[in-house]
PDB file of all heavy atoms in Angstrom:
ATOM      1  N   MET A   1      81.035  74.374  49.310  1.00  0.00           N
ATOM      2  CA  MET A   1      81.639  74.002  48.044  1.00  0.00           C
ATOM      3  C   MET A   1      80.546  73.550  47.098  1.00  0.00           C
ATOM      4  O   MET A   1      79.471  73.132  47.549  1.00  0.00           O
ATOM      5  CB  MET A   1      82.603  72.834  48.229  1.00  0.00           C
ATOM      6  CG  MET A   1      83.818  73.191  49.079  1.00  0.00           C
ATOM      7  SD  MET A   1      85.043  71.828  49.218  1.00  0.00           S
ATOM      8  CE  MET A   1      85.580  71.692  47.492  1.00  0.00           C
ATOM      9  N   GLY A   2      80.846  73.652  45.838  1.00  0.00           N
ATOM     10  CA  GLY A   2      79.874  73.214  44.839  1.00  0.00           C
ATOM     11  C   GLY A   2      80.369  73.600  43.409  1.00  0.00           C
ATOM     12  O   GLY A   2      81.575  73.698  43.224  1.00  0.00           O
ATOM     13  N   TRP A   3      79.367  73.672  42.536  1.00  0.00           N
ATOM     14  CA  TRP A   3      79.743  73.959  41.119  1.00  0.00           C
ATOM     15  C   TRP A   3      78.863  75.072  40.562  1.00  0.00           C
ATOM     16  O   TRP A   3      77.675  75.137  40.771  1.00  0.00           O
ATOM     17  CB  TRP A   3      79.495  72.698  40.251  1.00  0.00           C
ATOM     18  CG  TRP A   3      80.659  71.727  40.210  1.00  0.00           C
ATOM     19  CD1 TRP A   3      81.592  71.713  39.336  1.00  0.00           C
ATOM     20  CD2 TRP A   3      80.790  70.633  41.159  1.00  0.00           C
ATOM     21  NE1 TRP A   3      82.440  70.596  39.663  1.00  0.00           N
ATOM     22  CE2 TRP A   3      82.005  70.000  40.727  1.00  0.00           C
ATOM     23  CE3 TRP A   3      80.111  70.209  42.270  1.00  0.00           C
ATOM     24  CZ2 TRP A   3      82.502  68.896  41.482  1.00  0.00           C
ATOM     25  CZ3 TRP A   3      80.593  69.126  42.949  1.00  0.00           C
ATOM     26  CH2 TRP A   3      81.760  68.441  42.543  1.00  0.00           C
ATOM     27  N   TYR A   4      79.534  75.908  39.869  1.00  0.00           N
ATOM     28  CA  TYR A   4      78.881  76.848  38.914  1.00  0.00           C
ATOM     29  C   TYR A   4      79.123  76.262  37.498  1.00  0.00           C
ATOM     30  O   TYR A   4      80.031  75.443  37.255  1.00  0.00           O
ATOM     31  CB  TYR A   4      79.438  78.228  38.909  1.00  0.00           C
ATOM     32  CG  TYR A   4      78.993  79.097  40.116  1.00  0.00           C
ATOM     33  CD1 TYR A   4      79.455  78.837  41.393  1.00  0.00           C
ATOM     34  CD2 TYR A   4      78.052  80.125  39.907  1.00  0.00           C
ATOM     35  CE1 TYR A   4      78.976  79.690  42.445  1.00  0.00           C
ATOM     36  CE2 TYR A   4      77.625  80.931  40.911  1.00  0.00           C
ATOM     37  CZ  TYR A   4      78.108  80.701  42.188  1.00  0.00           C
ATOM     38  OH  TYR A   4      77.675  81.524  43.204  1.00  0.00           O
ATOM     39  N   ARG A   5      78.344  76.693  36.532  1.00  0.00           N
ATOM     40  CA  ARG A   5      78.539  76.265  35.170  1.00  0.00           C
ATOM     41  C   ARG A   5      78.362  77.468  34.256  1.00  0.00           C
ATOM     42  O   ARG A   5      77.628  78.400  34.609  1.00  0.00           O
ATOM     43  CB  ARG A   5      77.593  75.156  34.683  1.00  0.00           C
ATOM     44  CG  ARG A   5      76.170  75.481  34.629  1.00  0.00           C
ATOM     45  CD  ARG A   5      75.311  74.207  34.328  1.00  0.00           C
ATOM     46  NE  ARG A   5      73.924  74.559  34.176  1.00  0.00           N
ATOM     47  CZ  ARG A   5      72.987  73.626  34.064  1.00  0.00           C
ATOM     48  NH1 ARG A   5      73.289  72.302  34.064  1.00  0.00           N
ATOM     49  NH2 ARG A   5      71.675  73.979  33.955  1.00  0.00           N
ATOM     50  N   GLN A   6      78.988  77.397  33.126  1.00  0.00           N
ATOM     51  CA  GLN A   6      78.927  78.492  32.133  1.00  0.00           C
ATOM     52  C   GLN A   6      78.894  77.930  30.761  1.00  0.00           C
ATOM     53  O   GLN A   6      79.856  77.232  30.361  1.00  0.00           O
ATOM     54  CB  GLN A   6      80.070  79.520  32.316  1.00  0.00           C
ATOM     55  CG  GLN A   6      79.848  80.811  31.530  1.00  0.00           C
ATOM     56  CD  GLN A   6      80.803  81.922  31.964  1.00  0.00           C
ATOM     57  OE1 GLN A   6      81.825  81.698  32.541  1.00  0.00           O
ATOM     58  NE2 GLN A   6      80.337  83.133  31.689  1.00  0.00           N
ATOM     59  N   ALA A   7      77.909  78.254  30.023  1.00  0.00           N
ATOM     60  CA  ALA A   7      77.800  77.874  28.627  1.00  0.00           C
ATOM     61  C   ALA A   7      78.089  79.132  27.717  1.00  0.00           C
ATOM     62  O   ALA A   7      77.945  80.217  28.163  1.00  0.00           O
ATOM     63  CB  ALA A   7      76.342  77.404  28.280  1.00  0.00           C
ATOM     64  N   PRO A   8      78.529  78.878  26.483  1.00  0.00           N
ATOM     65  CA  PRO A   8      78.808  79.974  25.691  1.00  0.00           C
ATOM     66  C   PRO A   8      77.674  81.023  25.522  1.00  0.00           C
ATOM     67  O   PRO A   8      76.544  80.583  25.257  1.00  0.00           O
ATOM     68  CB  PRO A   8      79.200  79.323  24.301  1.00  0.00           C
ATOM     69  CG  PRO A   8      79.639  77.940  24.664  1.00  0.00           C
ATOM     70  CD  PRO A   8      78.796  77.611  25.867  1.00  0.00           C
ATOM     71  N   GLY A   9      77.969  82.294  25.715  1.00  0.00           N
ATOM     72  CA  GLY A   9      76.963  83.301  25.597  1.00  0.00           C
ATOM     73  C   GLY A   9      76.021  83.363  26.816  1.00  0.00           C
ATOM     74  O   GLY A   9      75.085  84.208  26.708  1.00  0.00           O
ATOM     75  N   LYS A  10      76.238  82.590  27.816  1.00  0.00           N
ATOM     76  CA  LYS A  10      75.380  82.620  28.986  1.00  0.00           C
ATOM     77  C   LYS A  10      76.175  83.107  30.247  1.00  0.00           C
ATOM     78  O   LYS A  10      77.376  82.986  30.290  1.00  0.00           O
ATOM     79  CB  LYS A  10      74.827  81.257  29.271  1.00  0.00           C
ATOM     80  CG  LYS A  10      74.027  80.664  28.079  1.00  0.00           C
ATOM     81  CD  LYS A  10      72.759  81.391  27.785  1.00  0.00           C
ATOM     82  CE  LYS A  10      71.992  80.795  26.707  1.00  0.00           C
ATOM     83  NZ  LYS A  10      70.722  81.510  26.395  1.00  0.00           N
ATOM     84  N   GLU A  11      75.415  83.587  31.193  1.00  0.00           N
ATOM     85  CA  GLU A  11      76.025  83.929  32.439  1.00  0.00           C
ATOM     86  C   GLU A  11      76.349  82.736  33.234  1.00  0.00           C
ATOM     87  O   GLU A  11      75.741  81.690  33.168  1.00  0.00           O
ATOM     88  CB  GLU A  11      75.092  84.836  33.269  1.00  0.00           C
ATOM     89  CG  GLU A  11      74.831  86.212  32.654  1.00  0.00           C
ATOM     90  CD  GLU A  11      73.989  87.120  33.509  1.00  0.00           C
ATOM     91  OE1 GLU A  11      73.605  86.609  34.591  1.00  0.00           O
ATOM     92  OE2 GLU A  11      73.786  88.272  33.139  1.00  0.00           O
ATOM     93  N   ARG A  12      77.390  82.833  34.099  1.00  0.00           N
ATOM     94  CA  ARG A  12      77.688  81.739  35.015  1.00  0.00           C
ATOM     95  C   ARG A  12      76.586  81.602  36.048  1.00  0.00           C
ATOM     96  O   ARG A  12      76.067  82.587  36.614  1.00  0.00           O
ATOM     97  CB  ARG A  12      79.064  82.005  35.732  1.00  0.00           C
ATOM     98  CG  ARG A  12      79.537  80.928  36.605  1.00  0.00           C
ATOM     99  CD  ARG A  12      80.885  81.282  37.169  1.00  0.00           C
ATOM    100  NE  ARG A  12      81.930  81.364  36.092  1.00  0.00           N
ATOM    101  CZ  ARG A  12      83.176  81.544  36.292  1.00  0.00           C
ATOM    102  NH1 ARG A  12      83.700  81.674  37.571  1.00  0.00           N
ATOM    103  NH2 ARG A  12      84.034  81.554  35.316  1.00  0.00           N
ATOM    104  N   GLU A  13      76.156  80.338  36.255  1.00  0.00           N
ATOM    105  CA  GLU A  13      75.047  80.057  37.192  1.00  0.00           C
ATOM    106  C   GLU A  13      75.462  79.036  38.161  1.00  0.00           C
ATOM    107  O   GLU A  13      76.169  78.111  37.888  1.00  0.00           O
ATOM    108  CB  GLU A  13      73.769  79.696  36.381  1.00  0.00           C
ATOM    109  CG  GLU A  13      73.915  78.447  35.690  1.00  0.00           C
ATOM    110  CD  GLU A  13      72.591  77.998  34.979  1.00  0.00           C
ATOM    111  OE1 GLU A  13      71.599  78.628  35.245  1.00  0.00           O
ATOM    112  OE2 GLU A  13      72.626  76.957  34.229  1.00  0.00           O
ATOM    113  N   LEU A  14      74.873  79.148  39.368  1.00  0.00           N
ATOM    114  CA  LEU A  14      75.058  78.148  40.422  1.00  0.00           C
ATOM    115  C   LEU A  14      74.315  76.936  40.086  1.00  0.00           C
ATOM    116  O   LEU A  14      73.091  76.976  39.834  1.00  0.00           O
ATOM    117  CB  LEU A  14      74.666  78.678  41.755  1.00  0.00           C
ATOM    118  CG  LEU A  14      74.808  77.706  42.913  1.00  0.00           C
ATOM    119  CD1 LEU A  14      76.292  77.424  43.225  1.00  0.00           C
ATOM    120  CD2 LEU A  14      74.183  78.283  44.198  1.00  0.00           C
ATOM    121  N   VAL A  15      74.938  75.796  40.043  1.00  0.00           N
ATOM    122  CA  VAL A  15      74.295  74.520  39.821  1.00  0.00           C
ATOM    123  C   VAL A  15      73.875  73.827  41.117  1.00  0.00           C
ATOM    124  O   VAL A  15      72.750  73.410  41.292  1.00  0.00           O
ATOM    125  CB  VAL A  15      75.242  73.559  38.990  1.00  0.00           C
ATOM    126  CG1 VAL A  15      74.566  72.178  38.767  1.00  0.00           C
ATOM    127  CG2 VAL A  15      75.670  74.200  37.770  1.00  0.00           C
ATOM    128  N   ALA A  16      74.811  73.641  42.021  1.00  0.00           N
ATOM    129  CA  ALA A  16      74.601  72.992  43.305  1.00  0.00           C
ATOM    130  C   ALA A  16      75.687  73.375  44.322  1.00  0.00           C
ATOM    131  O   ALA A  16      76.821  73.719  43.864  1.00  0.00           O
ATOM    132  CB  ALA A  16      74.560  71.503  43.107  1.00  0.00           C
ATOM    133  N   ALA A  17      75.363  73.303  45.525  1.00  0.00           N
ATOM    134  CA  ALA A  17      76.347  73.669  46.571  1.00  0.00           C
ATOM    135  C   ALA A  17      75.962  72.890  47.836  1.00  0.00           C
ATOM    136  O   ALA A  17      74.837  72.472  48.024  1.00  0.00           O
ATOM    137  CB  ALA A  17      76.375  75.146  46.871  1.00  0.00           C
ATOM    138  N   ILE A  18      77.013  72.634  48.664  1.00  0.00           N
ATOM    139  CA  ILE A  18      76.805  71.946  49.899  1.00  0.00           C
ATOM    140  C   ILE A  18      77.705  72.516  50.949  1.00  0.00           C
ATOM    141  O   ILE A  18      78.865  72.788  50.722  1.00  0.00           O
ATOM    142  CB  ILE A  18      77.023  70.414  49.732  1.00  0.00           C
ATOM    143  CG1 ILE A  18      76.782  69.692  51.034  1.00  0.00           C
ATOM    144  CG2 ILE A  18      78.469  70.144  49.206  1.00  0.00           C
ATOM    145  CD1 ILE A  18      76.655  68.191  50.817  1.00  0.00           C
ATOM    146  N   THR A  19      77.150  72.753  52.094  1.00  0.00           N
ATOM    147  CA  THR A  19      77.999  73.286  53.220  1.00  0.00           C
ATOM    148  C   THR A  19      78.720  72.158  53.946  1.00  0.00           C
ATOM    149  O   THR A  19      78.436  70.941  53.737  1.00  0.00           O
ATOM    150  CB  THR A  19      77.161  74.023  54.259  1.00  0.00           C
ATOM    151  OG1 THR A  19      76.299  73.134  54.992  1.00  0.00           O
ATOM    152  CG2 THR A  19      76.283  75.061  53.567  1.00  0.00           C
ATOM    153  N   SER A  20      79.623  72.490  54.760  1.00  0.00           N
ATOM    154  CA  SER A  20      80.359  71.515  55.596  1.00  0.00           C
ATOM    155  C   SER A  20      79.425  70.753  56.532  1.00  0.00           C
ATOM    156  O   SER A  20      79.710  69.634  56.939  1.00  0.00           O
ATOM    157  CB  SER A  20      81.538  72.118  56.323  1.00  0.00           C
ATOM    158  OG  SER A  20      81.130  73.315  57.026  1.00  0.00           O
ATOM    159  N   GLY A  21      78.297  71.402  56.808  1.00  0.00           N
ATOM    160  CA  GLY A  21      77.314  70.769  57.642  1.00  0.00           C
ATOM    161  C   GLY A  21      76.301  69.886  56.878  1.00  0.00           C
ATOM    162  O   GLY A  21      75.473  69.299  57.501  1.00  0.00           O
ATOM    163  N   GLY A  22      76.369  69.905  55.613  1.00  0.00           N
ATOM    164  CA  GLY A  22      75.550  69.064  54.776  1.00  0.00           C
ATOM    165  C   GLY A  22      74.345  69.692  54.132  1.00  0.00           C
ATOM    166  O   GLY A  22      73.525  69.023  53.524  1.00  0.00           O
ATOM    167  N   THR A  23      74.157  70.967  54.372  1.00  0.00           N
ATOM    168  CA  THR A  23      72.998  71.692  53.733  1.00  0.00           C
ATOM    169  C   THR A  23      73.215  71.894  52.259  1.00  0.00           C
ATOM    170  O   THR A  23      74.321  72.364  51.852  1.00  0.00           O
ATOM    171  CB  THR A  23      72.786  73.037  54.420  1.00  0.00           C
ATOM    172  OG1 THR A  23      72.502  72.827  55.777  1.00  0.00           O
ATOM    173  CG2 THR A  23      71.561  73.782  53.781  1.00  0.00           C
ATOM    174  N   THR A  24      72.257  71.497  51.431  1.00  0.00           N
ATOM    175  CA  THR A  24      72.450  71.490  49.954  1.00  0.00           C
ATOM    176  C   THR A  24      71.543  72.566  49.339  1.00  0.00           C
ATOM    177  O   THR A  24      70.489  72.965  49.844  1.00  0.00           O
ATOM    178  CB  THR A  24      72.128  70.154  49.347  1.00  0.00           C
ATOM    179  OG1 THR A  24      70.782  69.769  49.668  1.00  0.00           O
ATOM    180  CG2 THR A  24      73.129  69.133  49.879  1.00  0.00           C
ATOM    181  N   THR A  25      72.005  73.057  48.186  1.00  0.00           N
ATOM    182  CA  THR A  25      71.293  74.031  47.354  1.00  0.00           C
ATOM    183  C   THR A  25      71.408  73.528  45.945  1.00  0.00           C
ATOM    184  O   THR A  25      72.464  73.112  45.434  1.00  0.00           O
ATOM    185  CB  THR A  25      71.885  75.418  47.520  1.00  0.00           C
ATOM    186  OG1 THR A  25      71.815  75.826  48.845  1.00  0.00           O
ATOM    187  CG2 THR A  25      71.083  76.445  46.694  1.00  0.00           C
ATOM    188  N   TYR A  26      70.268  73.682  45.224  1.00  0.00           N
ATOM    189  CA  TYR A  26      70.262  73.239  43.726  1.00  0.00           C
ATOM    190  C   TYR A  26      69.586  74.292  42.955  1.00  0.00           C
ATOM    191  O   TYR A  26      68.589  74.929  43.332  1.00  0.00           O
ATOM    192  CB  TYR A  26      69.519  71.896  43.593  1.00  0.00           C
ATOM    193  CG  TYR A  26      70.184  70.727  44.213  1.00  0.00           C
ATOM    194  CD1 TYR A  26      69.726  70.312  45.487  1.00  0.00           C
ATOM    195  CD2 TYR A  26      71.158  70.052  43.554  1.00  0.00           C
ATOM    196  CE1 TYR A  26      70.269  69.155  46.077  1.00  0.00           C
ATOM    197  CE2 TYR A  26      71.763  68.949  44.170  1.00  0.00           C
ATOM    198  CZ  TYR A  26      71.293  68.526  45.447  1.00  0.00           C
ATOM    199  OH  TYR A  26      71.900  67.415  46.036  1.00  0.00           O
ATOM    200  N   ALA A  27      70.052  74.450  41.691  1.00  0.00           N
ATOM    201  CA  ALA A  27      69.287  75.223  40.708  1.00  0.00           C
ATOM    202  C   ALA A  27      67.958  74.493  40.428  1.00  0.00           C
ATOM    203  O   ALA A  27      67.924  73.251  40.355  1.00  0.00           O
ATOM    204  CB  ALA A  27      70.126  75.436  39.500  1.00  0.00           C
ATOM    205  N   ASP A  28      66.974  75.268  40.128  1.00  0.00           N
ATOM    206  CA  ASP A  28      65.653  74.669  39.813  1.00  0.00           C
ATOM    207  C   ASP A  28      65.775  73.701  38.650  1.00  0.00           C
ATOM    208  O   ASP A  28      65.092  72.709  38.558  1.00  0.00           O
ATOM    209  CB  ASP A  28      64.592  75.726  39.539  1.00  0.00           C
ATOM    210  CG  ASP A  28      64.224  76.478  40.824  1.00  0.00           C
ATOM    211  OD1 ASP A  28      64.390  75.965  41.912  1.00  0.00           O
ATOM    212  OD2 ASP A  28      63.657  77.548  40.634  1.00  0.00           O
ATOM    213  N   SER A  29      66.667  74.083  37.685  1.00  0.00           N
ATOM    214  CA  SER A  29      66.685  73.249  36.452  1.00  0.00           C
ATOM    215  C   SER A  29      67.340  71.877  36.680  1.00  0.00           C
ATOM    216  O   SER A  29      67.232  71.040  35.773  1.00  0.00           O
ATOM    217  CB  SER A  29      67.529  74.030  35.370  1.00  0.00           C
ATOM    218  OG  SER A  29      68.852  74.288  35.901  1.00  0.00           O
ATOM    219  N   VAL A  30      68.014  71.628  37.741  1.00  0.00           N
ATOM    220  CA  VAL A  30      68.638  70.368  37.988  1.00  0.00           C
ATOM    221  C   VAL A  30      68.060  69.596  39.144  1.00  0.00           C
ATOM    222  O   VAL A  30      68.479  68.480  39.418  1.00  0.00           O
ATOM    223  CB  VAL A  30      70.178  70.550  38.214  1.00  0.00           C
ATOM    224  CG1 VAL A  30      70.844  71.351  37.093  1.00  0.00           C
ATOM    225  CG2 VAL A  30      70.493  71.162  39.563  1.00  0.00           C
ATOM    226  N   LYS A  31      67.065  70.114  39.849  1.00  0.00           N
ATOM    227  CA  LYS A  31      66.450  69.461  41.015  1.00  0.00           C
ATOM    228  C   LYS A  31      65.865  68.163  40.527  1.00  0.00           C
ATOM    229  O   LYS A  31      65.191  68.053  39.519  1.00  0.00           O
ATOM    230  CB  LYS A  31      65.413  70.302  41.682  1.00  0.00           C
ATOM    231  CG  LYS A  31      65.999  71.475  42.460  1.00  0.00           C
ATOM    232  CD  LYS A  31      64.871  72.317  43.080  1.00  0.00           C
ATOM    233  CE  LYS A  31      65.443  73.468  43.942  1.00  0.00           C
ATOM    234  NZ  LYS A  31      64.401  74.276  44.526  1.00  0.00           N
ATOM    235  N   GLY A  32      66.130  67.081  41.297  1.00  0.00           N
ATOM    236  CA  GLY A  32      65.649  65.814  40.968  1.00  0.00           C
ATOM    237  C   GLY A  32      66.507  65.006  40.023  1.00  0.00           C
ATOM    238  O   GLY A  32      66.334  63.769  39.858  1.00  0.00           O
ATOM    239  N   ARG A  33      67.537  65.639  39.350  1.00  0.00           N
ATOM    240  CA  ARG A  33      68.439  64.957  38.480  1.00  0.00           C
ATOM    241  C   ARG A  33      69.830  64.929  38.968  1.00  0.00           C
ATOM    242  O   ARG A  33      70.547  63.991  38.829  1.00  0.00           O
ATOM    243  CB  ARG A  33      68.407  65.641  37.093  1.00  0.00           C
ATOM    244  CG  ARG A  33      67.073  65.692  36.387  1.00  0.00           C
ATOM    245  CD  ARG A  33      67.138  66.206  35.025  1.00  0.00           C
ATOM    246  NE  ARG A  33      67.534  67.639  34.986  1.00  0.00           N
ATOM    247  CZ  ARG A  33      68.699  68.076  34.344  1.00  0.00           C
ATOM    248  NH1 ARG A  33      69.414  67.187  33.724  1.00  0.00           N
ATOM    249  NH2 ARG A  33      68.972  69.314  34.364  1.00  0.00           N
ATOM    250  N   PHE A  34      70.207  65.993  39.690  1.00  0.00           N
ATOM    251  CA  PHE A  34      71.625  66.043  40.202  1.00  0.00           C
ATOM    252  C   PHE A  34      71.614  65.892  41.777  1.00  0.00           C
ATOM    253  O   PHE A  34      70.640  66.315  42.357  1.00  0.00           O
ATOM    254  CB  PHE A  34      72.264  67.451  39.886  1.00  0.00           C
ATOM    255  CG  PHE A  34      72.529  67.709  38.435  1.00  0.00           C
ATOM    256  CD1 PHE A  34      72.060  66.916  37.431  1.00  0.00           C
ATOM    257  CD2 PHE A  34      73.235  68.837  38.040  1.00  0.00           C
ATOM    258  CE1 PHE A  34      72.302  67.130  36.101  1.00  0.00           C
ATOM    259  CE2 PHE A  34      73.522  69.060  36.729  1.00  0.00           C
ATOM    260  CZ  PHE A  34      73.082  68.256  35.756  1.00  0.00           C
ATOM    261  N   THR A  35      72.652  65.306  42.249  1.00  0.00           N
ATOM    262  CA  THR A  35      72.836  65.156  43.680  1.00  0.00           C
ATOM    263  C   THR A  35      74.222  65.547  44.054  1.00  0.00           C
ATOM    264  O   THR A  35      75.211  64.978  43.537  1.00  0.00           O
ATOM    265  CB  THR A  35      72.564  63.729  44.157  1.00  0.00           C
ATOM    266  OG1 THR A  35      71.193  63.352  43.783  1.00  0.00           O
ATOM    267  CG2 THR A  35      72.702  63.620  45.628  1.00  0.00           C
ATOM    268  N   ILE A  36      74.345  66.429  44.999  1.00  0.00           N
ATOM    269  CA  ILE A  36      75.675  66.841  45.478  1.00  0.00           C
ATOM    270  C   ILE A  36      75.902  66.191  46.882  1.00  0.00           C
ATOM    271  O   ILE A  36      74.994  66.086  47.691  1.00  0.00           O
ATOM    272  CB  ILE A  36      75.840  68.326  45.536  1.00  0.00           C
ATOM    273  CG1 ILE A  36      77.304  68.794  45.787  1.00  0.00           C
ATOM    274  CG2 ILE A  36      74.902  69.005  46.558  1.00  0.00           C
ATOM    275  CD1 ILE A  36      77.605  70.238  45.598  1.00  0.00           C
ATOM    276  N   SER A  37      77.107  65.795  47.057  1.00  0.00           N
ATOM    277  CA  SER A  37      77.532  65.176  48.398  1.00  0.00           C
ATOM    278  C   SER A  37      78.990  65.514  48.590  1.00  0.00           C
ATOM    279  O   SER A  37      79.695  66.043  47.776  1.00  0.00           O
ATOM    280  CB  SER A  37      77.324  63.635  48.334  1.00  0.00           C
ATOM    281  OG  SER A  37      78.155  63.044  47.318  1.00  0.00           O
ATOM    282  N   ARG A  38      79.413  65.253  49.852  1.00  0.00           N
ATOM    283  CA  ARG A  38      80.782  65.548  50.188  1.00  0.00           C
ATOM    284  C   ARG A  38      81.387  64.528  51.178  1.00  0.00           C
ATOM    285  O   ARG A  38      80.571  63.968  52.014  1.00  0.00           O
ATOM    286  CB  ARG A  38      80.998  66.943  50.667  1.00  0.00           C
ATOM    287  CG  ARG A  38      80.264  67.315  52.005  1.00  0.00           C
ATOM    288  CD  ARG A  38      80.414  68.797  52.309  1.00  0.00           C
ATOM    289  NE  ARG A  38      81.793  69.225  52.548  1.00  0.00           N
ATOM    290  CZ  ARG A  38      82.235  70.476  52.485  1.00  0.00           C
ATOM    291  NH1 ARG A  38      81.389  71.446  52.160  1.00  0.00           N
ATOM    292  NH2 ARG A  38      83.479  70.758  52.717  1.00  0.00           N
ATOM    293  N   ASP A  39      82.692  64.390  51.149  1.00  0.00           N
ATOM    294  CA  ASP A  39      83.433  63.579  52.086  1.00  0.00           C
ATOM    295  C   ASP A  39      84.384  64.588  52.746  1.00  0.00           C
ATOM    296  O   ASP A  39      85.436  64.901  52.190  1.00  0.00           O
ATOM    297  CB  ASP A  39      84.161  62.424  51.413  1.00  0.00           C
ATOM    298  CG  ASP A  39      84.857  61.529  52.386  1.00  0.00           C
ATOM    299  OD1 ASP A  39      85.122  61.927  53.504  1.00  0.00           O
ATOM    300  OD2 ASP A  39      85.060  60.368  51.968  1.00  0.00           O
ATOM    301  N   ASN A  40      84.033  65.037  53.998  1.00  0.00           N
ATOM    302  CA  ASN A  40      84.835  65.996  54.621  1.00  0.00           C
ATOM    303  C   ASN A  40      86.270  65.509  54.932  1.00  0.00           C
ATOM    304  O   ASN A  40      87.264  66.250  54.998  1.00  0.00           O
ATOM    305  CB  ASN A  40      84.156  66.539  55.886  1.00  0.00           C
ATOM    306  CG  ASN A  40      82.977  67.371  55.597  1.00  0.00           C
ATOM    307  OD1 ASN A  40      82.820  67.940  54.531  1.00  0.00           O
ATOM    308  ND2 ASN A  40      82.029  67.407  56.516  1.00  0.00           N
ATOM    309  N   ALA A  41      86.388  64.252  55.217  1.00  0.00           N
ATOM    310  CA  ALA A  41      87.662  63.602  55.593  1.00  0.00           C
ATOM    311  C   ALA A  41      88.638  63.697  54.406  1.00  0.00           C
ATOM    312  O   ALA A  41      89.833  63.777  54.523  1.00  0.00           O
ATOM    313  CB  ALA A  41      87.529  62.199  56.009  1.00  0.00           C
ATOM    314  N   LYS A  42      88.056  63.707  53.107  1.00  0.00           N
ATOM    315  CA  LYS A  42      88.864  63.726  51.915  1.00  0.00           C
ATOM    316  C   LYS A  42      88.915  65.082  51.315  1.00  0.00           C
ATOM    317  O   LYS A  42      89.544  65.265  50.267  1.00  0.00           O
ATOM    318  CB  LYS A  42      88.358  62.649  50.929  1.00  0.00           C
ATOM    319  CG  LYS A  42      88.520  61.251  51.372  1.00  0.00           C
ATOM    320  CD  LYS A  42      88.027  60.291  50.304  1.00  0.00           C
ATOM    321  CE  LYS A  42      88.175  58.818  50.736  1.00  0.00           C
ATOM    322  NZ  LYS A  42      87.629  57.947  49.738  1.00  0.00           N
ATOM    323  N   ASN A  43      88.145  66.048  51.949  1.00  0.00           N
ATOM    324  CA  ASN A  43      88.007  67.359  51.289  1.00  0.00           C
ATOM    325  C   ASN A  43      87.547  67.282  49.860  1.00  0.00           C
ATOM    326  O   ASN A  43      88.074  67.984  48.978  1.00  0.00           O
ATOM    327  CB  ASN A  43      89.287  68.127  51.452  1.00  0.00           C
ATOM    328  CG  ASN A  43      89.708  68.452  52.876  1.00  0.00           C
ATOM    329  OD1 ASN A  43      88.855  68.808  53.654  1.00  0.00           O
ATOM    330  ND2 ASN A  43      90.971  68.360  53.183  1.00  0.00           N
ATOM    331  N   THR A  44      86.634  66.430  49.576  1.00  0.00           N
ATOM    332  CA  THR A  44      86.132  66.165  48.238  1.00  0.00           C
ATOM    333  C   THR A  44      84.597  66.320  48.219  1.00  0.00           C
ATOM    334  O   THR A  44      83.955  65.882  49.080  1.00  0.00           O
ATOM    335  CB  THR A  44      86.535  64.763  47.854  1.00  0.00           C
ATOM    336  OG1 THR A  44      87.995  64.671  47.807  1.00  0.00           O
ATOM    337  CG2 THR A  44      86.065  64.461  46.427  1.00  0.00           C
ATOM    338  N   VAL A  45      84.170  66.868  47.140  1.00  0.00           N
ATOM    339  CA  VAL A  45      82.711  67.003  46.873  1.00  0.00           C
ATOM    340  C   VAL A  45      82.472  66.235  45.556  1.00  0.00           C
ATOM    341  O   VAL A  45      83.305  66.165  44.664  1.00  0.00           O
ATOM    342  CB  VAL A  45      82.230  68.382  46.792  1.00  0.00           C
ATOM    343  CG1 VAL A  45      82.278  69.087  48.150  1.00  0.00           C
ATOM    344  CG2 VAL A  45      82.988  69.240  45.762  1.00  0.00           C
ATOM    345  N   TYR A  46      81.270  65.764  45.425  1.00  0.00           N
ATOM    346  CA  TYR A  46      80.825  64.948  44.288  1.00  0.00           C
ATOM    347  C   TYR A  46      79.538  65.563  43.716  1.00  0.00           C
ATOM    348  O   TYR A  46      78.647  65.922  44.486  1.00  0.00           O
ATOM    349  CB  TYR A  46      80.631  63.481  44.572  1.00  0.00           C
ATOM    350  CG  TYR A  46      81.811  62.816  45.255  1.00  0.00           C
ATOM    351  CD1 TYR A  46      81.932  62.832  46.679  1.00  0.00           C
ATOM    352  CD2 TYR A  46      82.889  62.347  44.513  1.00  0.00           C
ATOM    353  CE1 TYR A  46      83.012  62.258  47.303  1.00  0.00           C
ATOM    354  CE2 TYR A  46      83.930  61.715  45.145  1.00  0.00           C
ATOM    355  CZ  TYR A  46      84.029  61.703  46.532  1.00  0.00           C
ATOM    356  OH  TYR A  46      85.117  61.071  47.132  1.00  0.00           O
TER     357      TYR A  46
END
């Protein structure tokens, strides 16, 4: 699970993602600023 974002006139891009096992992925533009996490018991990502 994670987030894509889309700005007007721009392509949709992956921002961040996290697997059920906790492996994370970030766009280079947000590394160090954004943090993705999840609570599997609540089926919620932040």
